């Protein structure tokens, strides 16, 4: 899976905003925190949910189950708006 070319990412401090281009089937803005930004960075290249969870588990001192829950939730929301190409 990979971030769709129909969505642009903008980061300001710890905030991340995902904006659709005119070609996206979604109109609106998705705003999130640093976790969203990290996941979107990892989605610049073809990857899997498991690889994202593994990389975030290596970087952050948090329970793997919490990281997994957050990643799955964010990926699910991005899929709903068409921001992920599988």
Protein backbone atom coordinates (compact mmCIF):
# COMPACT_ATOMS: atom_id res chain seq x y z
CA UNK A 1 0.00 0.00 0.00
CA UNK A 2 1.08 3.55 -0.65
CA UNK A 3 -0.25 7.09 -0.25
CA UNK A 4 -2.34 8.08 -3.27
CA UNK A 5 -0.92 10.74 -5.56
CA UNK A 6 -4.29 12.47 -5.26
CA UNK A 7 -3.47 13.64 -1.73
CA UNK A 8 -0.93 16.17 -0.50
CA UNK A 9 0.61 16.23 2.97
CA UNK A 10 1.53 19.41 4.84
CA UNK A 11 3.27 19.46 8.22
CA UNK A 12 3.40 22.36 10.62
CA UNK A 13 5.16 21.59 13.89
CA UNK A 14 3.51 18.47 15.29
CA UNK A 15 0.36 18.90 13.21
CA UNK A 16 -0.17 17.14 9.90
CA UNK A 17 -2.80 18.00 7.30
CA UNK A 18 -3.83 15.80 4.36
CA UNK A 19 -5.45 17.67 1.48
CA UNK A 20 -7.01 16.10 -1.60
CA UNK A 21 -6.16 17.32 -5.09
CA UNK A 22 -8.86 17.99 -7.65
CA UNK A 23 -8.60 14.37 -8.83
CA UNK A 24 -9.47 12.85 -5.46
CA UNK A 25 -12.96 11.56 -4.82
CA UNK A 26 -12.91 13.21 -1.40
CA UNK A 27 -13.41 16.85 -0.54
CA UNK A 28 -12.29 18.00 2.85
CA UNK A 29 -9.19 18.11 4.99
CA UNK A 30 -7.81 15.49 7.37
CA UNK A 31 -5.93 16.95 10.30
CA UNK A 32 -3.86 14.88 12.68
CA UNK A 33 -0.95 14.74 15.04
CA UNK A 34 2.64 13.59 14.76
CA UNK A 35 1.57 9.93 14.56
CA UNK A 36 -0.38 10.63 11.37
CA UNK A 37 2.65 12.42 9.97
CA UNK A 38 4.95 9.49 10.69
CA UNK A 39 2.56 7.02 9.09
CA UNK A 40 2.20 9.24 6.01
CA UNK A 41 5.99 9.48 5.71
CA UNK A 42 6.20 5.69 5.73
CA UNK A 43 3.44 5.52 3.10
CA UNK A 44 5.58 7.47 0.62
CA UNK A 45 7.02 4.08 -0.36
CA UNK A 46 5.11 0.86 -0.84
CA UNK A 47 4.73 -0.75 2.59
CA UNK A 48 2.40 -2.83 4.76
CA UNK A 49 0.59 -2.16 8.03
CA UNK A 50 2.92 -4.63 9.73
CA UNK A 51 6.04 -2.83 8.46
CA UNK A 52 4.67 0.49 9.73
CA UNK A 53 3.93 -1.04 13.14
CA UNK A 54 7.42 -2.57 13.28
CA UNK A 55 9.16 0.72 12.42
CA UNK A 56 7.10 2.72 14.89
CA UNK A 57 7.71 0.12 17.62
CA UNK A 58 11.46 0.49 17.05
CA UNK A 59 11.28 4.30 17.33
CA UNK A 60 8.85 4.83 20.19
CA UNK A 61 8.68 3.66 23.77
CA UNK A 62 5.04 2.61 23.71
CA UNK A 63 3.17 -0.65 24.01
CA UNK A 64 3.16 -2.44 20.66
CA UNK A 65 -0.57 -3.12 21.06
CA UNK A 66 -1.23 0.65 21.33
CA UNK A 67 0.91 1.38 18.28
CA UNK A 68 -0.89 -1.36 16.35
CA UNK A 69 -4.30 0.01 17.33
CA UNK A 70 -3.34 3.55 16.26
CA UNK A 71 -1.84 2.43 12.94
CA UNK A 72 -4.84 0.28 12.05
CA UNK A 73 -7.23 3.11 12.92
CA UNK A 74 -5.36 5.70 10.86
CA UNK A 75 -4.92 3.39 7.87
CA UNK A 76 -8.63 2.55 7.99
CA UNK A 77 -9.59 6.24 7.93
CA UNK A 78 -7.19 6.95 5.07
CA UNK A 79 -8.64 4.04 3.09
CA UNK A 80 -12.19 5.35 3.60
CA UNK A 81 -11.32 8.63 1.91
CA UNK A 82 -9.34 6.97 -0.89
CA UNK A 83 -5.96 8.23 0.28
CA UNK A 84 -4.31 4.81 0.05
CA UNK A 85 -3.53 2.83 -3.07
CA UNK A 86 -3.42 -0.88 -2.24
